[in-house]
C-alpha atoms as a PDB file:
ATOM      1  CA  UNK A   1     -35.936 -10.367 -13.900  1.00  0.00           C
ATOM      2  CA  UNK A   2     -39.747 -11.375 -14.788  1.00  0.00           C
ATOM      3  CA  UNK A   3     -38.187 -11.828 -18.227  1.00  0.00           C
ATOM      4  CA  UNK A   4     -35.825 -13.869 -17.783  1.00  0.00           C
ATOM      5  CA  UNK A   5     -32.590 -11.774 -18.158  1.00  0.00           C
ATOM      6  CA  UNK A   6     -29.722 -12.342 -15.738  1.00  0.00           C
ATOM      7  CA  UNK A   7     -27.450  -9.471 -16.348  1.00  0.00           C
ATOM      8  CA  UNK A   8     -27.738  -5.534 -16.996  1.00  0.00           C
ATOM      9  CA  UNK A   9     -24.531  -3.325 -18.462  1.00  0.00           C
ATOM     10  CA  UNK A  10     -24.757   0.084 -18.097  1.00  0.00           C
ATOM     11  CA  UNK A  11     -23.019   2.287 -21.101  1.00  0.00           C
ATOM     12  CA  UNK A  12     -21.542   5.439 -19.714  1.00  0.00           C
ATOM     13  CA  UNK A  13     -19.009   8.175 -20.945  1.00  0.00           C
ATOM     14  CA  UNK A  14     -18.605   9.254 -17.317  1.00  0.00           C
ATOM     15  CA  UNK A  15     -15.006   9.919 -17.749  1.00  0.00           C
ATOM     16  CA  UNK A  16     -15.496  12.871 -19.611  1.00  0.00           C
ATOM     17  CA  UNK A  17     -19.153  13.950 -18.710  1.00  0.00           C
ATOM     18  CA  UNK A  18     -18.374  14.328 -15.456  1.00  0.00           C
ATOM     19  CA  UNK A  19     -21.822  15.565 -13.896  1.00  0.00           C
ATOM     20  CA  UNK A  20     -24.657  14.020 -15.969  1.00  0.00           C
ATOM     21  CA  UNK A  21     -23.147  10.551 -16.218  1.00  0.00           C
ATOM     22  CA  UNK A  22     -22.302  10.279 -12.602  1.00  0.00           C
ATOM     23  CA  UNK A  23     -25.062  10.898 -11.817  1.00  0.00           C
ATOM     24  CA  UNK A  24     -26.920   8.936 -14.351  1.00  0.00           C
ATOM     25  CA  UNK A  25     -24.420   5.912 -13.172  1.00  0.00           C
ATOM     26  CA  UNK A  26     -25.362   6.447  -9.074  1.00  0.00           C
ATOM     27  CA  UNK A  27     -29.264   6.347 -10.049  1.00  0.00           C
ATOM     28  CA  UNK A  28     -28.187   2.818 -11.606  1.00  0.00           C
ATOM     29  CA  UNK A  29     -26.438   1.812  -8.964  1.00  0.00           C
ATOM     30  CA  UNK A  30     -29.236   2.664  -6.277  1.00  0.00           C
ATOM     31  CA  UNK A  31     -31.829   0.363  -8.510  1.00  0.00           C
ATOM     32  CA  UNK A  32     -29.200  -2.094  -8.836  1.00  0.00           C
ATOM     33  CA  UNK A  33     -28.959  -2.639  -5.431  1.00  0.00           C
ATOM     34  CA  UNK A  34     -32.448  -3.492  -5.267  1.00  0.00           C
ATOM     35  CA  UNK A  35     -31.893  -6.754  -7.445  1.00  0.00           C
ATOM     36  CA  UNK A  36     -28.568  -8.670  -6.534  1.00  0.00           C
ATOM     37  CA  UNK A  37     -30.145 -11.625  -8.718  1.00  0.00           C
ATOM     38  CA  UNK A  38     -29.180  -9.814 -11.684  1.00  0.00           C
ATOM     39  CA  UNK A  39     -25.409  -9.286 -12.330  1.00  0.00           C
ATOM     40  CA  UNK A  40     -24.746  -5.369 -12.843  1.00  0.00           C
ATOM     41  CA  UNK A  41     -21.729  -4.394 -15.073  1.00  0.00           C
ATOM     42  CA  UNK A  42     -20.567  -0.864 -16.473  1.00  0.00           C
ATOM     43  CA  UNK A  43     -18.833  -0.128 -19.561  1.00  0.00           C
ATOM     44  CA  UNK A  44     -17.861   2.957 -21.465  1.00  0.00           C
ATOM     45  CA  UNK A  45     -19.441   3.438 -24.552  1.00  0.00           C
ATOM     46  CA  UNK A  46     -17.038   3.440 -26.756  1.00  0.00           C
ATOM     47  CA  UNK A  47     -15.630   0.335 -25.725  1.00  0.00           C
ATOM     48  CA  UNK A  48     -19.139  -1.018 -25.455  1.00  0.00           C
ATOM     49  CA  UNK A  49     -19.261  -0.083 -29.388  1.00  0.00           C
ATOM     50  CA  UNK A  50     -15.994  -1.422 -30.849  1.00  0.00           C
ATOM     51  CA  UNK A  51     -16.440  -5.031 -28.458  1.00  0.00           C
ATOM     52  CA  UNK A  52     -20.273  -5.031 -29.811  1.00  0.00           C
ATOM     53  CA  UNK A  53     -18.375  -5.510 -32.910  1.00  0.00           C
ATOM     54  CA  UNK A  54     -16.229  -8.469 -32.458  1.00  0.00           C
ATOM     55  CA  UNK A  55     -18.486  -9.939 -30.016  1.00  0.00           C
ATOM     56  CA  UNK A  56     -22.564  -8.815 -30.534  1.00  0.00           C
ATOM     57  CA  UNK A  57     -23.816 -11.391 -28.134  1.00  0.00           C
ATOM     58  CA  UNK A  58     -22.135 -10.655 -24.949  1.00  0.00           C
ATOM     59  CA  UNK A  59     -24.186  -8.625 -23.898  1.00  0.00           C
ATOM     60  CA  UNK A  60     -27.855  -9.626 -22.702  1.00  0.00           C
ATOM     61  CA  UNK A  61     -29.322  -6.084 -21.308  1.00  0.00           C
ATOM     62  CA  UNK A  62     -27.714  -2.737 -22.251  1.00  0.00           C
ATOM     63  CA  UNK A  63     -28.727   0.367 -20.265  1.00  0.00           C
ATOM     64  CA  UNK A  64     -27.989   3.538 -21.679  1.00  0.00           C
ATOM     65  CA  UNK A  65     -28.722   7.504 -22.122  1.00  0.00           C
ATOM     66  CA  UNK A  66     -30.545   8.268 -25.058  1.00  0.00           C
ATOM     67  CA  UNK A  67     -27.538   9.523 -27.034  1.00  0.00           C
ATOM     68  CA  UNK A  68     -25.924   6.446 -26.697  1.00  0.00           C
ATOM     69  CA  UNK A  69     -28.613   4.169 -27.073  1.00  0.00           C
ATOM     70  CA  UNK A  70     -29.252   6.026 -30.293  1.00  0.00           C
ATOM     71  CA  UNK A  71     -25.377   4.802 -31.355  1.00  0.00           C
ATOM     72  CA  UNK A  72     -25.773   1.334 -29.618  1.00  0.00           C
ATOM     73  CA  UNK A  73     -29.294   0.495 -31.854  1.00  0.00           C
ATOM     74  CA  UNK A  74     -27.429   2.217 -34.905  1.00  0.00           C
ATOM     75  CA  UNK A  75     -24.458  -0.269 -34.491  1.00  0.00           C
ATOM     76  CA  UNK A  76     -26.368  -3.524 -33.520  1.00  0.00           C
ATOM     77  CA  UNK A  77     -29.118  -2.692 -37.012  1.00  0.00           C
ATOM     78  CA  UNK A  78     -25.903  -2.136 -38.823  1.00  0.00           C
ATOM     79  CA  UNK A  79     -24.957  -5.776 -37.786  1.00  0.00           C
ATOM     80  CA  UNK A  80     -27.965  -7.328 -38.694  1.00  0.00           C
ATOM     81  CA  UNK A  81     -28.394  -5.334 -41.711  1.00  0.00           C
ATOM     82  CA  UNK A  82     -30.425  -3.028 -41.294  1.00  0.00           C
ATOM     83  CA  UNK A  83     -33.829  -1.070 -39.135  1.00  0.00           C
END
């Protein structure tokens, strides 16, 4: 918020990892409720990665667990030519 961010997208795989990712989503939803001025969205990580290739500027902040964060950062690095 103090850095001018307007939207947070949470990347998850709760359809497969029902316990861990559902817990993660519930925590994210709880925190997002304290910041109603910031748009909160959720997206499956596989569709997020596919969409990043097609429209890389669509996201403001992507929040994810370590494994998905590693995949997102590797893809983003590939889109810009390296780390």
